[in-house]
Amino acid sequence: MRAGNKMTETIAFVSGKGGVGKTSLAVNSAIKLAMAGDKVGILDADFGLSNANIMMGVKAEKTISDLLSGKHTLDEIITHTHAGVKLIPGGSGTMDTLNLGSEDRWKIIRALDPMEAELDYLIVDTPAGASDSSIELAAAVDKVIVILVGEPTSFMDAYAFIKALNLEKNVTNFSVIVNMANNQDAALKDFETFRKIVSKFLEVQLDLLGWLPGSKDVVQSIIARKPFILDEKSKRVVGKCLSNIVRNLVKAPRNKPNGVHFFSSKESA
């Protein structure tokens, strides 16, 4: 839990490609932190194809599009979800949110400033792939969490994302979660293979946060629109793995603020 004057910690969940479980891990990690007593917000930053609210089984009446257009305030678009997690819903697939420019992304980052006093953690679920939006948002947080699966295409796309973020934004610390692994040994092997590939070409630090097994219960929880951390059956399967991930997440190395950053007090830090 946050103590004293500790600033809100900002964490981006990123992936080089879709379908690797990024949003599910972002949502369940946010709820796990909140269940431990922390005040947590989650920004669904996949503005065109938002689905964090769907995975959480909540209806988002208003979205980030309404905030940008001036129709509604930040307080009005926040959706209160499981364990008190505050969700800032993404866009609705309209062209205005699919094609957000840098200035609009800056407006969204600044619009969240009032939440700093009321959050211990802000989790940002970025769009999959190394788009301009993903890169800018990932560069605006303290910690970048890369979701990886043990497939060559996932390795290549995750490497491309890390390379872009490192070369364009000088981000050097990355944490990795290996998802859908057969077992712990397979996850460790996948991480080590990926780490060697990245280290060969880039001067960055990669740390393994943990792994999650490929589980029918997790898949079922997504279909049922109920986060697996709230389901007793699936929690028994993956609960220990998620607990380990979140424990390491709290201790993961941070990047220094460089340019536009969530929460204004950090821009001069």
Protein backbone atom coordinates (compact mmCIF):
# COMPACT_ATOMS: atom_id res chain seq x y z
CA MET A 1 0.00 0.00 0.00
CA ARG A 2 1.06 3.58 -0.58
CA ALA A 3 2.54 5.35 2.42
CA GLY A 4 3.06 9.00 3.23
CA ASN A 5 3.58 11.27 0.22
CA LYS A 6 4.47 8.49 -2.20
CA MET A 7 3.37 9.49 -5.69
CA THR A 8 0.93 7.48 -7.72
CA GLU A 9 2.79 4.76 -9.60
CA THR A 10 1.91 4.42 -13.27
CA ILE A 11 2.20 1.08 -15.06
CA ALA A 12 1.62 0.28 -18.75
CA PHE A 13 0.70 -3.21 -19.93
CA VAL A 14 1.92 -3.56 -23.52
CA SER A 15 2.22 -6.26 -26.18
CA GLY A 16 3.73 -6.50 -29.61
CA LYS A 17 0.63 -8.25 -30.96
CA GLY A 18 -2.96 -8.92 -29.99
CA GLY A 19 -4.27 -12.14 -28.51
CA VAL A 20 -1.60 -12.62 -25.84
CA GLY A 21 -3.80 -11.82 -22.83
CA LYS A 22 -2.63 -8.26 -22.19
CA THR A 23 -5.97 -6.78 -21.17
CA SER A 24 -6.87 -9.79 -19.01
CA LEU A 25 -3.58 -9.46 -17.12
CA ALA A 26 -3.99 -5.68 -16.76
CA VAL A 27 -7.53 -6.05 -15.39
CA ASN A 28 -6.76 -8.92 -13.01
CA SER A 29 -3.58 -7.26 -11.73
CA ALA A 30 -5.52 -4.06 -11.03
CA ILE A 31 -8.17 -5.95 -9.08
CA LYS A 32 -5.53 -7.96 -7.18
CA LEU A 33 -3.82 -4.73 -6.07
CA ALA A 34 -7.16 -3.26 -5.00
CA MET A 35 -8.07 -6.41 -3.04
CA ALA A 36 -4.83 -5.89 -1.08
CA GLY A 37 -6.01 -2.43 -0.04
CA ASP A 38 -4.50 -0.20 -2.69
CA LYS A 39 -6.45 2.49 -4.55
CA VAL A 40 -6.26 1.58 -8.22
CA GLY A 41 -7.36 3.08 -11.51
CA ILE A 42 -7.20 1.50 -14.95
CA LEU A 43 -7.15 3.52 -18.16
CA ASP A 44 -8.38 1.55 -21.15
CA ALA A 45 -6.13 3.30 -23.63
CA ASP A 46 -7.07 1.10 -26.57
CA PHE A 47 -9.25 4.01 -27.58
CA GLY A 48 -10.59 2.50 -30.78
CA LEU A 49 -11.21 -1.07 -29.66
CA SER A 50 -11.67 -0.84 -25.91
CA ASN A 51 -12.62 -4.03 -24.08
CA ALA A 52 -11.47 -3.69 -20.47
CA ASN A 53 -15.04 -2.95 -19.43
CA ILE A 54 -16.22 -6.07 -21.28
CA MET A 55 -13.68 -8.26 -19.50
CA MET A 56 -14.76 -6.72 -16.19
CA GLY A 57 -18.42 -7.35 -16.97
CA VAL A 58 -19.40 -3.71 -16.49
CA LYS A 59 -21.28 -1.36 -18.76
CA ALA A 60 -19.49 1.86 -19.64
CA GLU A 61 -22.11 4.49 -20.40
CA LYS A 62 -19.55 7.20 -21.09
CA THR A 63 -16.02 6.91 -22.49
CA ILE A 64 -12.82 8.82 -23.09
CA SER A 65 -14.41 10.12 -26.31
CA ASP A 66 -16.94 12.04 -24.20
CA LEU A 67 -14.11 13.53 -22.15
CA LEU A 68 -12.22 14.64 -25.25
CA SER A 69 -15.32 16.19 -26.82
CA GLY A 70 -16.13 18.07 -23.62
CA LYS A 71 -19.52 16.36 -23.22
CA HIS A 72 -18.59 14.93 -19.83
CA THR A 73 -16.03 15.48 -17.06
CA LEU A 74 -13.51 12.92 -15.83
CA ASP A 75 -15.65 12.17 -12.77
CA GLU A 76 -18.63 11.53 -15.02
CA ILE A 77 -16.88 8.96 -17.22
CA ILE A 78 -15.19 6.99 -14.41
CA THR A 79 -16.87 3.59 -13.91
CA HIS A 80 -16.56 2.03 -10.46
CA THR A 81 -15.80 -1.69 -10.71
CA HIS A 82 -14.65 -4.71 -8.68
CA ALA A 83 -12.81 -4.09 -5.40
CA GLY A 84 -13.17 -0.34 -5.95
CA VAL A 85 -11.06 -0.21 -9.12
CA LYS A 86 -11.83 2.97 -11.08
CA LEU A 87 -12.09 2.33 -14.81
CA ILE A 88 -11.60 5.10 -17.35
CA PRO A 89 -13.28 3.47 -20.38
CA GLY A 90 -11.70 3.69 -23.82
CA GLY A 91 -13.34 4.84 -27.03
CA SER A 92 -16.10 3.13 -28.92
CA GLY A 93 -14.41 2.37 -32.22
CA THR A 94 -15.36 5.65 -33.87
CA MET A 95 -12.90 7.25 -36.27
CA ASP A 96 -12.15 10.12 -33.91
CA THR A 97 -10.74 7.78 -31.27
CA LEU A 98 -9.11 5.39 -33.75
CA ASN A 99 -7.06 8.26 -35.18
CA LEU A 100 -6.10 10.25 -32.10
CA GLY A 101 -3.22 12.61 -32.67
CA SER A 102 -0.37 13.38 -30.30
CA GLU A 103 -2.15 16.48 -28.95
CA ASP A 104 -5.26 14.50 -28.02
CA ARG A 105 -3.16 11.85 -26.30
CA TRP A 106 -1.46 14.64 -24.35
CA LYS A 107 -4.90 16.01 -23.38
CA ILE A 108 -5.95 12.60 -22.05
CA ILE A 109 -2.76 12.20 -20.03
CA ARG A 110 -3.22 15.67 -18.51
CA ALA A 111 -6.95 15.14 -17.95
CA LEU A 112 -6.12 12.37 -15.47
CA ASP A 113 -4.03 14.70 -13.25
CA PRO A 114 -6.85 15.14 -10.66
CA MET A 115 -6.73 11.39 -9.96
CA GLU A 116 -3.18 11.54 -8.59
CA ALA A 117 -4.34 12.41 -5.08
CA GLU A 118 -6.75 9.48 -4.95
CA LEU A 119 -4.75 6.63 -6.49
CA ASP A 120 -1.84 4.45 -5.43
CA TYR A 121 -1.59 2.88 -8.88
CA LEU A 122 -2.75 3.79 -12.38
CA ILE A 123 -2.64 0.89 -14.82
CA VAL A 124 -2.68 1.80 -18.51
CA ASP A 125 -3.87 -0.87 -20.94
CA THR A 126 -2.29 0.23 -24.22
CA PRO A 127 -3.28 -0.79 -27.75
CA ALA A 128 -1.46 -3.90 -29.04
CA GLY A 129 1.43 -3.29 -31.41
CA ALA A 130 4.01 -0.54 -31.77
CA SER A 131 1.67 2.24 -32.91
CA ASP A 132 2.39 5.90 -32.18
CA SER A 133 -0.32 5.82 -29.52
CA SER A 134 1.13 2.76 -27.77
CA ILE A 135 4.66 4.16 -27.83
CA GLU A 136 3.66 7.58 -26.47
CA LEU A 137 1.49 6.15 -23.70
CA ALA A 138 4.09 3.57 -22.66
CA ALA A 139 6.72 6.32 -22.49
CA ALA A 140 4.47 8.32 -20.15
CA VAL A 141 4.52 5.79 -17.27
CA ASP A 142 6.93 4.62 -14.57
CA LYS A 143 6.93 0.92 -15.46
CA VAL A 144 6.44 -0.94 -18.74
CA ILE A 145 5.14 -4.51 -18.56
CA VAL A 146 5.54 -6.57 -21.76
CA ILE A 147 3.18 -9.52 -22.21
CA LEU A 148 4.79 -12.38 -24.09
CA VAL A 149 3.73 -15.86 -25.24
CA GLY A 150 6.07 -18.62 -26.36
CA GLU A 151 5.66 -18.11 -30.11
CA PRO A 152 8.13 -16.68 -32.68
CA THR A 153 5.65 -14.01 -33.84
CA SER A 154 5.12 -12.85 -30.25
CA PHE A 155 8.89 -12.66 -29.76
CA MET A 156 9.40 -10.64 -32.96
CA ASP A 157 6.56 -8.22 -32.30
CA ALA A 158 7.51 -7.71 -28.64
CA TYR A 159 11.10 -7.06 -29.69
CA ALA A 160 9.90 -4.48 -32.25
CA PHE A 161 7.89 -2.72 -29.53
CA ILE A 162 10.81 -2.63 -27.08
CA LYS A 163 13.16 -1.40 -29.82
CA ALA A 164 10.80 1.44 -30.79
CA LEU A 165 10.28 2.51 -27.17
CA ASN A 166 14.00 2.35 -26.44
CA LEU A 167 15.21 4.21 -29.53
CA GLU A 168 12.40 6.77 -29.78
CA LYS A 169 11.77 7.44 -26.07
CA ASN A 170 14.96 6.22 -24.36
CA VAL A 171 13.06 3.75 -22.15
CA THR A 172 15.55 1.23 -20.74
CA ASN A 173 13.72 -0.85 -18.10
CA PHE A 174 11.18 -3.46 -19.15
CA SER A 175 9.41 -6.15 -17.14
CA VAL A 176 8.08 -9.29 -18.80
CA ILE A 177 5.18 -11.63 -18.07
CA VAL A 178 5.16 -14.93 -19.96
CA ASN A 179 1.53 -15.83 -20.52
CA MET A 180 -0.12 -19.12 -21.54
CA ALA A 181 2.96 -21.17 -20.61
CA ASN A 182 2.84 -24.96 -20.23
CA ASN A 183 4.71 -24.80 -16.93
CA GLN A 184 7.29 -22.78 -15.01
CA ASP A 185 10.29 -24.34 -16.75
CA ALA A 186 8.82 -23.56 -20.17
CA ALA A 187 8.13 -19.97 -19.10
CA LEU A 188 11.67 -19.47 -17.81
CA LYS A 189 13.07 -20.94 -21.03
CA ASP A 190 10.91 -18.62 -23.17
CA PHE A 191 11.98 -15.59 -21.17
CA GLU A 192 15.66 -16.46 -21.36
CA THR A 193 15.44 -17.01 -25.12
CA PHE A 194 13.70 -13.67 -25.55
CA ARG A 195 16.13 -11.89 -23.23
CA LYS A 196 19.11 -13.12 -25.26
CA ILE A 197 17.54 -11.91 -28.51
CA VAL A 198 16.83 -8.45 -27.10
CA SER A 199 20.20 -8.10 -25.31
CA LYS A 200 22.04 -8.92 -28.51
CA PHE A 201 20.76 -5.78 -30.21
CA LEU A 202 19.59 -3.37 -27.51
CA GLU A 203 21.05 -1.96 -24.29
CA VAL A 204 17.99 -2.46 -22.12
CA GLN A 205 17.22 -4.20 -18.82
CA LEU A 206 14.69 -7.04 -18.92
CA ASP A 207 13.25 -8.56 -15.73
CA LEU A 208 10.85 -11.49 -15.45
CA LEU A 209 7.82 -10.62 -13.31
CA GLY A 210 6.35 -14.09 -13.52
CA TRP A 211 4.24 -16.37 -15.68
CA LEU A 212 0.69 -17.58 -16.08
CA PRO A 213 -0.36 -21.01 -17.34
CA GLY A 214 -2.62 -21.58 -20.29
CA SER A 215 -5.83 -22.42 -18.43
CA LYS A 216 -9.32 -23.30 -19.61
CA ASP A 217 -10.63 -21.58 -16.50
CA VAL A 218 -8.97 -18.32 -17.53
CA VAL A 219 -10.44 -18.60 -21.02
CA GLN A 220 -13.83 -19.35 -19.50
CA SER A 221 -13.57 -16.32 -17.23
CA ILE A 222 -13.00 -14.09 -20.27
CA ILE A 223 -16.04 -15.59 -22.04
CA ALA A 224 -18.10 -15.13 -18.88
CA ARG A 225 -16.90 -11.52 -18.52
CA LYS A 226 -15.75 -12.16 -14.99
CA PRO A 227 -12.09 -11.55 -14.04
CA PHE A 228 -10.51 -14.85 -13.03
CA ILE A 229 -9.22 -13.42 -9.76
CA LEU A 230 -12.86 -13.19 -8.63
CA ASP A 231 -13.70 -16.78 -9.54
CA GLU A 232 -12.82 -19.32 -6.85
CA LYS A 233 -12.19 -22.14 -9.33
CA SER A 234 -9.87 -20.29 -11.68
CA LYS A 235 -8.26 -18.44 -8.77
CA ARG A 236 -7.02 -21.77 -7.43
CA VAL A 237 -5.37 -22.52 -10.76
CA VAL A 238 -3.69 -19.21 -11.44
CA GLY A 239 -4.03 -17.34 -8.14
CA LYS A 240 -0.52 -18.11 -6.91
CA CYS A 241 0.98 -17.13 -10.25
CA LEU A 242 -0.87 -13.82 -10.29
CA SER A 243 0.06 -13.12 -6.66
CA ASN A 244 3.71 -13.62 -7.59
CA ILE A 245 3.36 -11.34 -10.62
CA VAL A 246 1.74 -8.54 -8.60
CA ARG A 247 4.28 -8.88 -5.79
CA ASN A 248 7.12 -8.48 -8.30
CA LEU A 249 5.23 -5.72 -10.12
CA VAL A 250 5.35 -3.54 -7.02
CA LYS A 251 9.14 -4.01 -6.81
CA ALA A 252 9.89 -3.71 -10.54
CA PRO A 253 12.42 -1.07 -11.67
CA ARG A 254 11.07 2.28 -12.81
CA ASN A 255 12.02 4.45 -15.76
CA LYS A 256 12.90 8.11 -15.31
CA PRO A 257 10.26 10.56 -16.56
CA ASN A 258 11.23 11.74 -20.03
CA GLY A 259 8.87 14.20 -21.70
CA VAL A 260 5.10 14.03 -21.24
CA HIS A 261 4.24 11.87 -18.24
CA PHE A 262 1.11 10.88 -16.39
CA PHE A 263 0.57 13.19 -13.39
CA SER A 264 2.10 16.62 -13.77
CA SER A 265 4.26 16.58 -10.64
CA LYS A 266 6.52 14.02 -12.31
CA GLU A 267 7.36 16.13 -15.34
CA SER A 268 9.84 18.15 -13.34
CA ALA A 269 11.10 15.13 -11.40
